[in-house]
Structures are given as C-alpha cells and as structure tokens.
Amino acid sequence: MNIGEIGLQGEKRVAQFLRKRGFSVIKRNFQCRYGEIDIIAENNEYILFVEVKTRKANALVSGIAAVDSHKQSRLTLAAQDYISKTLCEKQPRFDVAEVTVYEKADDSLGYSLKYFENAF
C-alpha cells in the first residue's frame, strides 16, 4: 500500500468513528484557496472540521504534533471559507485524528486511532 492509500484508509476509519458517535459526514477533502479540510461532519450542535494525520508506528513526529500553528491557521481560514459558502450557524469545532498504522504478526496492517476533540 502506498502513502496515499494509507492516508485514505486513515480518513475512512475516522469517518466511520464519527458516524458511530452520531455525526453525519457531510464533506471529505474540502478544498479552497486556503488549503484542504480532511473531514467536515456535523450533529445537532456542532460542525466539526477534522484534520486526519496517518502515520506509521515508528514515525518521528506524531500526528497531533504535525498540526502546528501554521497548519491551524490554514485550517481556520478554510473553515471560515466553508462556513461563509454554506451559511452554517452551528458551533464550529476543530478536532485532530491521529491514525497509526502498524504491521500485525500475520503481515496485515492494523490501525489505531487517537481522537482529540477541541484540539485548537
């Protein structure tokens, strides 16, 4: 599996995680001039802007650490762009999902997820 496929698998797992918790995934890979938002989801109260970081188990930088102040600023601008286009009035929340990919004993891939609500 290449890096792009691994990233897509991470996003897919996070979308499933959100659905199990009562959120509707309304957009994946929203792109605008400010950047990309991996997942936009909502429930009755919140609209979530979720950054998904998928890493191998031995990565030097964790997924949450990779969402630095520059990335946070870009995500905030992209979220404002989305809100202005959709006229959404729900409370925005910025979450980060850290997906770790590891190799199992049978040589298949396993995934673990850490989810950070209100990450910034």
C-alpha atoms as a PDB file:
ATOM      1  CA  MET A   1       0.000   0.000   0.000  1.00  0.00           C
ATOM      2  CA  ASN A   2       1.416   3.417  -0.898  1.00  0.00           C
ATOM      3  CA  ILE A   3       1.316   6.565   1.233  1.00  0.00           C
ATOM      4  CA  GLY A   4      -1.797   7.968  -0.473  1.00  0.00           C
ATOM      5  CA  GLU A   5      -3.732   4.741   0.053  1.00  0.00           C
ATOM      6  CA  ILE A   6      -2.687   4.595   3.698  1.00  0.00           C
ATOM      7  CA  GLY A   7      -3.894   8.179   4.182  1.00  0.00           C
ATOM      8  CA  LEU A   8      -7.239   7.365   2.569  1.00  0.00           C
ATOM      9  CA  GLN A   9      -7.630   4.346   4.843  1.00  0.00           C
ATOM     10  CA  GLY A  10      -6.979   6.588   7.841  1.00  0.00           C
ATOM     11  CA  GLU A  11      -9.620   9.074   6.702  1.00  0.00           C
ATOM     12  CA  LYS A  12     -12.082   6.241   6.078  1.00  0.00           C
ATOM     13  CA  ARG A  13     -11.603   4.921   9.609  1.00  0.00           C
ATOM     14  CA  VAL A  14     -12.064   8.364  11.143  1.00  0.00           C
ATOM     15  CA  ALA A  15     -15.270   8.886   9.134  1.00  0.00           C
ATOM     16  CA  GLN A  16     -16.576   5.537  10.476  1.00  0.00           C
ATOM     17  CA  PHE A  17     -15.567   6.570  14.009  1.00  0.00           C
ATOM     18  CA  LEU A  18     -17.548   9.809  13.692  1.00  0.00           C
ATOM     19  CA  ARG A  19     -20.628   8.093  12.271  1.00  0.00           C
ATOM     20  CA  LYS A  20     -20.659   5.649  15.199  1.00  0.00           C
ATOM     21  CA  ARG A  21     -20.752   8.666  17.514  1.00  0.00           C
ATOM     22  CA  GLY A  22     -23.797  10.172  15.832  1.00  0.00           C
ATOM     23  CA  PHE A  23     -22.150  12.604  13.415  1.00  0.00           C
ATOM     24  CA  SER A  24     -23.009  12.891   9.740  1.00  0.00           C
ATOM     25  CA  VAL A  25     -20.012  13.226   7.459  1.00  0.00           C
ATOM     26  CA  ILE A  26     -21.062  15.971   5.072  1.00  0.00           C
ATOM     27  CA  LYS A  27     -17.830  16.559   3.155  1.00  0.00           C
ATOM     28  CA  ARG A  28     -14.472  14.898   2.709  1.00  0.00           C
ATOM     29  CA  ASN A  29     -11.407  16.627   1.296  1.00  0.00           C
ATOM     30  CA  PHE A  30     -12.955  20.099   1.059  1.00  0.00           C
ATOM     31  CA  GLN A  31     -10.548  22.263  -0.913  1.00  0.00           C
ATOM     32  CA  CYS A  32     -10.324  26.011  -1.199  1.00  0.00           C
ATOM     33  CA  ARG A  33      -7.574  28.558  -1.708  1.00  0.00           C
ATOM     34  CA  TYR A  34      -6.529  28.248   1.939  1.00  0.00           C
ATOM     35  CA  GLY A  35      -5.974  24.505   1.861  1.00  0.00           C
ATOM     36  CA  GLU A  36      -7.871  21.316   2.495  1.00  0.00           C
ATOM     37  CA  ILE A  37     -10.054  20.054   5.307  1.00  0.00           C
ATOM     38  CA  ASP A  38      -9.978  16.268   5.506  1.00  0.00           C
ATOM     39  CA  ILE A  39     -13.422  15.723   7.040  1.00  0.00           C
ATOM     40  CA  ILE A  40     -16.342  18.017   7.771  1.00  0.00           C
ATOM     41  CA  ALA A  41     -19.016  16.426   9.943  1.00  0.00           C
ATOM     42  CA  GLU A  42     -21.970  17.647  11.961  1.00  0.00           C
ATOM     43  CA  ASN A  43     -24.539  16.758  14.550  1.00  0.00           C
ATOM     44  CA  ASN A  44     -27.339  18.871  16.047  1.00  0.00           C
ATOM     45  CA  GLU A  45     -24.905  21.072  17.966  1.00  0.00           C
ATOM     46  CA  TYR A  46     -21.526  21.167  16.203  1.00  0.00           C
ATOM     47  CA  ILE A  47     -19.896  21.351  12.838  1.00  0.00           C
ATOM     48  CA  LEU A  48     -16.558  19.562  13.017  1.00  0.00           C
ATOM     49  CA  PHE A  49     -13.506  20.373  10.966  1.00  0.00           C
ATOM     50  CA  VAL A  50     -11.270  17.331  11.342  1.00  0.00           C
ATOM     51  CA  GLU A  51      -7.630  17.090  10.362  1.00  0.00           C
ATOM     52  CA  VAL A  52      -6.578  13.460   9.924  1.00  0.00           C
ATOM     53  CA  LYS A  53      -2.921  12.560  10.311  1.00  0.00           C
ATOM     54  CA  THR A  54      -1.999   8.984   9.453  1.00  0.00           C
ATOM     55  CA  ARG A  55       1.456   7.811  10.441  1.00  0.00           C
ATOM     56  CA  LYS A  56       3.436   4.604  10.606  1.00  0.00           C
ATOM     57  CA  ALA A  57       4.085   3.288  14.089  1.00  0.00           C
ATOM     58  CA  ASN A  58       7.728   4.382  14.022  1.00  0.00           C
ATOM     59  CA  ALA A  59       7.144   7.953  12.747  1.00  0.00           C
ATOM     60  CA  LEU A  60       9.405  10.650  14.146  1.00  0.00           C
ATOM     61  CA  VAL A  61       6.595  13.196  14.554  1.00  0.00           C
ATOM     62  CA  SER A  62       3.186  12.339  15.961  1.00  0.00           C
ATOM     63  CA  GLY A  63       0.061  13.308  14.092  1.00  0.00           C
ATOM     64  CA  ILE A  64      -1.033  15.837  16.713  1.00  0.00           C
ATOM     65  CA  ALA A  65       2.423  17.468  16.717  1.00  0.00           C
ATOM     66  CA  ALA A  66       2.228  17.858  12.937  1.00  0.00           C
ATOM     67  CA  VAL A  67      -0.737  20.204  13.284  1.00  0.00           C
ATOM     68  CA  ASP A  68       1.373  23.237  14.127  1.00  0.00           C
ATOM     69  CA  SER A  69       0.269  26.878  14.375  1.00  0.00           C
ATOM     70  CA  HIS A  70       0.704  27.421  10.621  1.00  0.00           C
ATOM     71  CA  LYS A  71      -1.498  24.386   9.818  1.00  0.00           C
ATOM     72  CA  GLN A  72      -4.055  25.503  12.415  1.00  0.00           C
ATOM     73  CA  SER A  73      -4.228  28.939  10.806  1.00  0.00           C
ATOM     74  CA  ARG A  74      -4.782  27.441   7.341  1.00  0.00           C
ATOM     75  CA  LEU A  75      -7.490  25.112   8.664  1.00  0.00           C
ATOM     76  CA  THR A  76      -9.234  28.007  10.397  1.00  0.00           C
ATOM     77  CA  LEU A  77      -9.256  30.058   7.196  1.00  0.00           C
ATOM     78  CA  ALA A  78     -10.535  27.091   5.188  1.00  0.00           C
ATOM     79  CA  ALA A  79     -13.291  26.517   7.771  1.00  0.00           C
ATOM     80  CA  GLN A  80     -14.306  30.185   7.579  1.00  0.00           C
ATOM     81  CA  ASP A  81     -14.461  29.837   3.798  1.00  0.00           C
ATOM     82  CA  TYR A  82     -16.693  26.766   4.100  1.00  0.00           C
ATOM     83  CA  ILE A  83     -18.986  28.432   6.653  1.00  0.00           C
ATOM     84  CA  SER A  84     -19.346  31.547   4.502  1.00  0.00           C
ATOM     85  CA  LYS A  85     -20.327  29.439   1.487  1.00  0.00           C
ATOM     86  CA  THR A  86     -22.837  27.256   3.330  1.00  0.00           C
ATOM     87  CA  LEU A  87     -24.183  29.806   5.834  1.00  0.00           C
ATOM     88  CA  CYS A  88     -23.785  27.227   8.591  1.00  0.00           C
ATOM     89  CA  GLU A  89     -24.796  28.518  12.026  1.00  0.00           C
ATOM     90  CA  LYS A  90     -23.629  25.617  14.185  1.00  0.00           C
ATOM     91  CA  GLN A  91     -20.821  25.902  16.689  1.00  0.00           C
ATOM     92  CA  PRO A  92     -17.533  25.074  14.905  1.00  0.00           C
ATOM     93  CA  ARG A  93     -15.063  22.681  16.492  1.00  0.00           C
ATOM     94  CA  PHE A  94     -11.568  21.784  15.328  1.00  0.00           C
ATOM     95  CA  ASP A  95     -10.534  18.194  16.012  1.00  0.00           C
ATOM     96  CA  VAL A  96      -7.466  16.179  15.115  1.00  0.00           C
ATOM     97  CA  ALA A  97      -7.485  12.436  14.472  1.00  0.00           C
ATOM     98  CA  GLU A  98      -4.188  10.605  14.749  1.00  0.00           C
ATOM     99  CA  VAL A  99      -4.232   7.245  12.973  1.00  0.00           C
ATOM    100  CA  THR A 100      -1.280   4.925  13.490  1.00  0.00           C
ATOM    101  CA  VAL A 101      -0.617   2.124  11.027  1.00  0.00           C
ATOM    102  CA  TYR A 102       1.262  -0.928  12.248  1.00  0.00           C
ATOM    103  CA  GLU A 103       2.101  -4.348  10.892  1.00  0.00           C
ATOM    104  CA  LYS A 104       0.403  -7.303  12.571  1.00  0.00           C
ATOM    105  CA  ALA A 105       2.014 -10.685  13.173  1.00  0.00           C
ATOM    106  CA  ASP A 106       0.253 -12.077  10.073  1.00  0.00           C
ATOM    107  CA  ASP A 107       1.786  -9.264   7.920  1.00  0.00           C
ATOM    108  CA  SER A 108      -1.555  -7.477   7.532  1.00  0.00           C
ATOM    109  CA  LEU A 109      -1.961  -3.846   8.542  1.00  0.00           C
ATOM    110  CA  GLY A 110      -3.597  -2.749  11.766  1.00  0.00           C
ATOM    111  CA  TYR A 111      -4.836   0.714  12.642  1.00  0.00           C
ATOM    112  CA  SER A 112      -5.186   2.512  15.947  1.00  0.00           C
ATOM    113  CA  LEU A 113      -6.926   5.842  16.437  1.00  0.00           C
ATOM    114  CA  LYS A 114      -6.453   8.667  18.923  1.00  0.00           C
ATOM    115  CA  TYR A 115      -9.055  11.388  18.606  1.00  0.00           C
ATOM    116  CA  PHE A 116      -8.512  14.874  20.023  1.00  0.00           C
ATOM    117  CA  GLU A 117     -11.650  16.993  20.439  1.00  0.00           C
ATOM    118  CA  ASN A 118     -11.180  20.764  20.512  1.00  0.00           C
ATOM    119  CA  ALA A 119      -7.566  20.273  19.513  1.00  0.00           C
ATOM    120  CA  PHE A 120      -7.140  24.004  18.866  1.00  0.00           C
END
